[in-house]
Amino acid sequence: MSIPLVRFPLLAIDEILRNMQYSEIFNISVCSQRMHILVRRIKFKQIVKMRYVFKAKVLQVEVDEHNGTRQFIVATSFGRVRDTTNCYFAHNSNSEGMVKRSVIDHCFGVFQRHAPIVQLQLVVDQDLGFVPLLEGVKEMYMLGQGMSVEYASIFYPDLNCLRINGTCKDGDRFSGVDYLFFDRAGNTANAVLQTFTGRYLFLYESRRSTKDILQFCRRWKRNEICQNVRFLYIDLIDSSPDFDPERFLAQFETSEWDPNVRPGGVFDGLPAMIDVDKFPDVNTDRFRDFQRNDGKWASLCMLDCQFFLIAWD
């Protein structure tokens, strides 16, 4: 004879729940009000991040743990879904707003209150359908062509980290973001450099010339631009013929790199959504030192298609 879970002692129920998958915990928590109360008793201290992914009228919720493990919680769909790796709850499109809001509120009550970081991912090229506002979003990952960053700046002004995988149309709305990552910056790079007020900036596939980089470094040295930057990386498109590292170094005064006076720890505390494994060791003799007008020291490195700048505390 089977025994209902709710009849077990509380300590036994807690142990059973802790050994369940997050998707199982979600499913069991919606069975009854009593089960919901029992699940809310559990403290999921291993959760470090909640992730809400919106794509093609699908909402998918995931969690990241301190050990780097990512696990699936629940996914809802409002149309045909080709992905067979996860189980989706299918709903009529007329109930899309209510269902998405209910799923988010339920996940917040059960899991999100234990997570210090909330990440929102949007696949903009697809029909997202209704995207409700989320509470506590600190990281956003936007994928797709022709994205409006205005959405992020208006609805999530407290963003700490923004990653954009696509071509952005408005490159003048990035003040306040501490970590900014462009997978395809293109011609937007210059506008971003003019307005960025954060600490870490990554610009991949940028279209910049030697003159552009020289102008930036001279303005930074005069403390006119990117005053708070800690690390800047510019990856140049191979078809940028106007970029000449030797000409840059001949026209911008620097001194030899001195590793004995550098504190290191450039990448400490970076969000996991920024791939620092792509970068070489920054403590290298390829770097050159120079000093800003206010006394702050920085180091730069010029390679054939790459530019690094590190500002030292």
Protein backbone atom coordinates (compact mmCIF):
# COMPACT_ATOMS: atom_id res chain seq x y z
CA MET A 1 0.00 0.00 0.00
CA SER A 2 1.40 3.41 -0.96
CA ILE A 3 1.65 6.21 1.61
CA PRO A 4 0.95 9.82 0.54
CA LEU A 5 4.04 12.00 0.78
CA VAL A 6 2.28 14.54 2.99
CA ARG A 7 1.89 11.90 5.72
CA PHE A 8 5.63 11.46 6.14
CA PRO A 9 7.42 13.28 8.98
CA LEU A 10 8.58 16.78 8.00
CA LEU A 11 12.27 15.87 8.19
CA ALA A 12 11.68 12.92 5.87
CA ILE A 13 9.75 15.11 3.42
CA ASP A 14 12.56 17.67 3.43
CA GLU A 15 15.14 14.99 2.64
CA ILE A 16 13.01 13.55 -0.18
CA LEU A 17 12.52 16.99 -1.75
CA ARG A 18 16.22 17.82 -1.55
CA ASN A 19 17.00 14.71 -3.61
CA MET A 20 14.53 15.55 -6.36
CA GLN A 21 15.29 17.26 -9.66
CA TYR A 22 14.18 20.89 -9.85
CA SER A 23 11.61 20.00 -12.51
CA GLU A 24 10.14 17.37 -10.19
CA ILE A 25 10.01 19.87 -7.33
CA PHE A 26 8.17 22.34 -9.55
CA ASN A 27 5.66 19.71 -10.67
CA ILE A 28 4.94 18.48 -7.17
CA SER A 29 4.61 22.02 -5.81
CA VAL A 30 1.64 22.75 -8.09
CA CYS A 31 -0.27 19.62 -7.06
CA SER A 32 -1.88 21.17 -3.99
CA GLN A 33 -1.64 24.12 -1.65
CA ARG A 34 -0.27 21.86 1.06
CA MET A 35 2.54 20.56 -1.17
CA HIS A 36 3.34 24.12 -2.18
CA ILE A 37 3.74 25.09 1.48
CA LEU A 38 5.95 22.05 2.14
CA VAL A 39 8.19 22.86 -0.84
CA ARG A 40 8.56 26.50 0.22
CA ARG A 41 10.05 25.29 3.50
CA ILE A 42 13.14 24.05 1.66
CA LYS A 43 16.12 26.41 1.42
CA PHE A 44 17.86 25.85 -1.91
CA LYS A 45 21.17 27.37 -0.85
CA GLN A 46 22.98 25.75 -3.79
CA ILE A 47 21.15 27.99 -6.30
CA VAL A 48 23.23 30.95 -7.47
CA LYS A 49 21.22 32.12 -10.48
CA MET A 50 17.72 31.94 -11.95
CA ARG A 51 17.50 32.09 -15.74
CA TYR A 52 14.33 32.94 -17.70
CA VAL A 53 14.60 32.30 -21.46
CA PHE A 54 12.01 33.64 -23.93
CA LYS A 55 12.13 32.34 -27.50
CA ALA A 56 9.52 31.61 -30.19
CA LYS A 57 6.55 31.83 -27.79
CA VAL A 58 8.32 29.57 -25.32
CA LEU A 59 9.22 30.37 -21.74
CA GLN A 60 11.94 28.17 -20.25
CA VAL A 61 13.16 28.46 -16.66
CA GLU A 62 16.55 27.13 -15.50
CA VAL A 63 18.81 27.39 -12.46
CA ASP A 64 22.58 27.55 -12.04
CA GLU A 65 24.23 26.10 -8.94
CA HIS A 66 27.42 27.19 -7.20
CA ASN A 67 29.28 24.19 -8.64
CA GLY A 68 28.56 25.34 -12.21
CA THR A 69 25.74 22.86 -12.87
CA ARG A 70 22.76 24.13 -14.88
CA GLN A 71 19.41 22.40 -14.46
CA PHE A 72 16.03 22.67 -16.15
CA ILE A 73 12.94 23.58 -14.11
CA VAL A 74 9.99 24.04 -16.46
CA ALA A 75 9.08 25.12 -20.00
CA THR A 76 5.77 26.30 -21.41
CA SER A 77 4.87 26.61 -25.09
CA PHE A 78 2.10 28.35 -27.00
CA GLY A 79 2.46 26.62 -30.34
CA ARG A 80 4.41 23.75 -31.91
CA VAL A 81 7.84 23.09 -30.39
CA ARG A 82 10.54 21.12 -32.23
CA ASP A 83 12.85 20.79 -29.24
CA THR A 84 12.55 17.25 -27.87
CA THR A 85 15.21 17.50 -25.15
CA ASN A 86 12.81 18.92 -22.57
CA CYS A 87 9.18 18.38 -21.63
CA TYR A 88 6.94 21.36 -22.43
CA PHE A 89 3.56 22.26 -20.97
CA ALA A 90 1.48 23.27 -24.02
CA HIS A 91 -1.14 25.98 -23.63
CA ASN A 92 -3.64 27.85 -25.76
CA SER A 93 -2.25 31.17 -26.97
CA ASN A 94 -5.25 32.98 -25.47
CA SER A 95 -3.92 32.17 -21.99
CA GLU A 96 -0.30 33.07 -22.76
CA GLY A 97 -0.07 36.15 -20.55
CA MET A 98 -1.72 34.53 -17.55
CA VAL A 99 0.30 31.30 -17.81
CA LYS A 100 3.69 33.01 -18.18
CA ARG A 101 2.98 35.35 -15.30
CA SER A 102 1.80 32.43 -13.13
CA VAL A 103 4.89 30.32 -13.92
CA ILE A 104 7.23 33.22 -13.12
CA ASP A 105 5.43 34.04 -9.87
CA HIS A 106 5.46 30.39 -8.83
CA CYS A 107 9.19 29.98 -9.59
CA PHE A 108 9.87 33.18 -7.68
CA GLY A 109 8.09 31.84 -4.60
CA VAL A 110 9.78 28.44 -4.68
CA PHE A 111 13.28 29.04 -6.12
CA GLN A 112 14.13 32.66 -6.94
CA ARG A 113 14.03 33.93 -3.36
CA HIS A 114 17.19 31.85 -2.79
CA ALA A 115 19.06 33.15 -5.86
CA PRO A 116 21.08 36.39 -5.70
CA ILE A 117 21.21 36.75 -9.52
CA VAL A 118 18.36 36.75 -12.04
CA GLN A 119 19.17 36.51 -15.76
CA LEU A 120 16.80 37.23 -18.63
CA GLN A 121 17.50 35.84 -22.13
CA LEU A 122 15.62 37.04 -25.21
CA VAL A 123 15.89 35.54 -28.71
CA VAL A 124 14.73 38.65 -30.55
CA ASP A 125 14.61 37.23 -34.11
CA GLN A 126 11.75 34.96 -33.12
CA ASP A 127 8.17 35.74 -32.11
CA LEU A 128 8.56 36.05 -28.36
CA GLY A 129 4.90 36.65 -27.68
CA PHE A 130 4.11 38.19 -24.31
CA VAL A 131 7.20 38.94 -22.17
CA PRO A 132 6.20 39.97 -18.64
CA LEU A 133 8.46 42.14 -16.53
CA LEU A 134 10.62 40.19 -14.09
CA GLU A 135 11.68 41.22 -10.63
CA GLY A 136 15.35 41.59 -9.71
CA VAL A 137 16.91 41.13 -13.18
CA LYS A 138 20.66 41.89 -13.03
CA GLU A 139 21.86 40.13 -16.20
CA MET A 140 20.40 40.16 -19.70
CA TYR A 141 21.43 38.22 -22.80
CA MET A 142 19.87 39.46 -26.06
CA LEU A 143 20.26 37.35 -29.20
CA GLY A 144 19.17 38.31 -32.70
CA GLN A 145 19.45 40.93 -35.42
CA GLY A 146 18.41 44.56 -35.14
CA MET A 147 17.76 44.57 -31.42
CA SER A 148 16.42 47.55 -29.53
CA VAL A 149 18.58 48.05 -26.49
CA GLU A 150 16.02 50.65 -25.44
CA TYR A 151 13.97 47.74 -24.06
CA ALA A 152 16.75 46.88 -21.61
CA SER A 153 17.48 50.46 -20.59
CA ILE A 154 13.82 51.37 -20.02
CA PHE A 155 12.48 48.27 -18.29
CA TYR A 156 15.66 47.09 -16.52
CA PRO A 157 17.63 50.23 -15.62
CA ASP A 158 19.45 48.41 -12.80
CA LEU A 159 21.14 45.88 -15.11
CA ASN A 160 24.65 44.95 -14.05
CA CYS A 161 25.60 42.80 -17.05
CA LEU A 162 24.36 42.96 -20.66
CA ARG A 163 25.48 40.66 -23.47
CA ILE A 164 24.33 41.26 -27.04
CA ASN A 165 24.72 38.61 -29.72
CA GLY A 166 23.54 40.43 -32.80
CA THR A 167 23.52 43.78 -34.57
CA CYS A 168 22.37 46.58 -32.33
CA LYS A 169 20.64 49.67 -33.71
CA ASP A 170 20.99 52.10 -30.84
CA GLY A 171 24.48 52.22 -29.41
CA ASP A 172 24.00 55.24 -27.17
CA ARG A 173 22.11 53.66 -24.28
CA PHE A 174 24.71 51.75 -22.29
CA SER A 175 25.45 54.05 -19.37
CA GLY A 176 24.98 52.32 -16.03
CA VAL A 177 25.85 48.78 -17.21
CA ASP A 178 28.98 47.56 -15.42
CA TYR A 179 29.71 44.59 -17.72
CA LEU A 180 28.93 44.98 -21.43
CA PHE A 181 29.69 42.30 -24.04
CA PHE A 182 29.07 42.60 -27.79
CA ASP A 183 29.47 39.46 -29.90
CA ARG A 184 29.16 41.52 -33.11
CA ALA A 185 29.84 45.19 -32.47
CA GLY A 186 30.47 46.28 -36.08
CA ASN A 187 30.17 50.04 -36.53
CA THR A 188 28.39 50.36 -33.17
CA ALA A 189 31.71 50.13 -31.34
CA ASN A 190 32.47 53.84 -31.57
CA ALA A 191 29.10 54.91 -30.11
CA VAL A 192 29.51 52.42 -27.27
CA LEU A 193 32.99 53.71 -26.43
CA GLN A 194 31.63 57.26 -26.30
CA THR A 195 28.97 56.49 -23.68
CA PHE A 196 30.16 53.48 -21.68
CA THR A 197 30.39 54.22 -17.94
CA GLY A 198 30.97 50.69 -16.61
CA ARG A 199 34.08 48.68 -15.79
CA TYR A 200 34.35 45.79 -18.28
CA LEU A 201 33.73 46.23 -22.01
CA PHE A 202 34.13 43.53 -24.68
CA LEU A 203 33.65 44.47 -28.36
CA TYR A 204 33.91 41.55 -30.78
CA GLU A 205 33.92 41.90 -34.59
CA SER A 206 34.42 45.67 -34.44
CA ARG A 207 35.22 47.98 -37.34
CA ARG A 208 37.93 50.30 -35.97
CA SER A 209 40.97 51.95 -37.57
CA THR A 210 44.34 52.89 -36.09
CA LYS A 211 43.11 56.49 -35.98
CA ASP A 212 40.03 55.44 -33.98
CA ILE A 213 42.09 53.56 -31.37
CA LEU A 214 44.57 56.43 -31.11
CA GLN A 215 41.77 58.91 -30.56
CA PHE A 216 40.22 56.73 -27.88
CA CYS A 217 43.50 56.26 -25.98
CA ARG A 218 44.28 59.98 -26.08
CA ARG A 219 40.81 60.86 -24.80
CA TRP A 220 41.07 58.21 -22.09
CA LYS A 221 44.46 59.60 -21.07
CA ARG A 222 42.84 63.04 -20.71
CA ASN A 223 40.11 61.39 -18.58
CA GLU A 224 37.39 62.37 -21.05
CA ILE A 225 36.00 58.92 -21.83
CA CYS A 226 35.39 55.54 -20.13
CA GLN A 227 36.62 56.96 -16.82
CA ASN A 228 35.60 53.88 -14.82
CA VAL A 229 36.81 51.17 -17.21
CA ARG A 230 38.84 48.36 -15.68
CA PHE A 231 39.25 46.17 -18.76
CA LEU A 232 38.59 46.88 -22.43
CA TYR A 233 38.90 44.35 -25.24
CA ILE A 234 38.34 45.15 -28.91
CA ASP A 235 38.36 42.33 -31.44
CA LEU A 236 38.68 43.63 -35.00
CA ILE A 237 37.12 42.15 -38.10
CA ASP A 238 39.80 40.62 -40.34
CA SER A 239 38.70 42.89 -43.18
CA SER A 240 39.76 46.05 -41.28
CA PRO A 241 42.74 47.17 -43.43
CA ASP A 242 43.15 50.50 -41.61
CA PHE A 243 44.43 48.93 -38.39
CA ASP A 244 48.23 49.04 -37.99
CA PRO A 245 49.64 48.15 -34.51
CA GLU A 246 53.14 49.40 -35.36
CA ARG A 247 51.85 52.80 -36.46
CA PHE A 248 49.79 53.06 -33.28
CA LEU A 249 52.76 52.36 -31.00
CA ALA A 250 54.88 54.85 -32.94
CA GLN A 251 52.32 57.61 -32.35
CA PHE A 252 51.28 56.89 -28.75
CA GLU A 253 53.87 57.22 -25.98
CA THR A 254 54.18 54.18 -23.69
CA SER A 255 56.78 52.59 -21.42
CA GLU A 256 57.85 48.98 -20.82
CA TRP A 257 55.46 46.71 -18.96
CA ASP A 258 56.42 46.26 -15.31
CA PRO A 259 54.73 43.15 -13.83
CA ASN A 260 56.22 43.84 -10.39
CA VAL A 261 53.91 46.79 -9.76
CA ARG A 262 50.70 45.31 -11.19
CA PRO A 263 48.13 43.89 -8.74
CA GLY A 264 46.65 41.29 -11.11
CA GLY A 265 43.18 39.81 -10.58
CA VAL A 266 41.74 41.52 -13.66
CA PHE A 267 39.05 38.90 -14.22
CA ASP A 268 38.10 38.25 -10.59
CA GLY A 269 34.36 38.32 -10.02
CA LEU A 270 33.27 38.46 -13.67
CA PRO A 271 29.76 37.15 -14.47
CA ALA A 272 29.78 33.60 -15.85
CA MET A 273 28.05 34.73 -19.06
CA ILE A 274 31.30 36.51 -20.06
CA ASP A 275 33.76 33.98 -21.51
CA VAL A 276 37.10 34.98 -19.98
CA ASP A 277 38.67 31.71 -21.15
CA LYS A 278 39.03 33.30 -24.61
CA PHE A 279 41.70 35.71 -23.42
CA PRO A 280 45.44 35.11 -23.13
CA ASP A 281 47.35 35.70 -19.90
CA VAL A 282 47.26 39.46 -19.34
CA ASN A 283 50.57 39.40 -17.45
CA THR A 284 52.71 39.39 -20.60
CA ASP A 285 55.58 41.46 -21.96
CA ARG A 286 53.48 42.35 -25.00
CA PHE A 287 51.75 44.98 -22.90
CA ARG A 288 52.94 48.58 -22.64
CA ASP A 289 52.29 51.01 -19.77
CA PHE A 290 51.05 54.59 -19.83
CA GLN A 291 49.61 57.01 -17.27
CA ARG A 292 46.40 59.01 -17.28
CA ASN A 293 46.48 62.72 -16.44
CA ASP A 294 44.99 62.06 -12.98
CA GLY A 295 47.80 59.60 -12.13
CA LYS A 296 46.01 56.29 -12.84
CA TRP A 297 48.19 53.74 -14.63
CA ALA A 298 47.02 51.57 -17.50
CA SER A 299 48.53 48.90 -19.74
CA LEU A 300 47.68 48.24 -23.36
CA CYS A 301 48.45 45.56 -25.90
CA MET A 302 48.17 45.80 -29.68
CA LEU A 303 48.04 42.65 -31.79
CA ASP A 304 47.14 42.24 -35.45
CA CYS A 305 43.38 42.11 -34.82
CA GLN A 306 43.09 42.78 -31.08
CA PHE A 307 43.38 45.66 -28.64
CA PHE A 308 43.55 45.28 -24.84
CA LEU A 309 43.48 47.99 -22.19
CA ILE A 310 43.78 47.36 -18.44
CA ALA A 311 43.36 50.18 -15.92
CA TRP A 312 45.02 49.49 -12.58
CA ASP A 313 43.59 50.47 -9.20
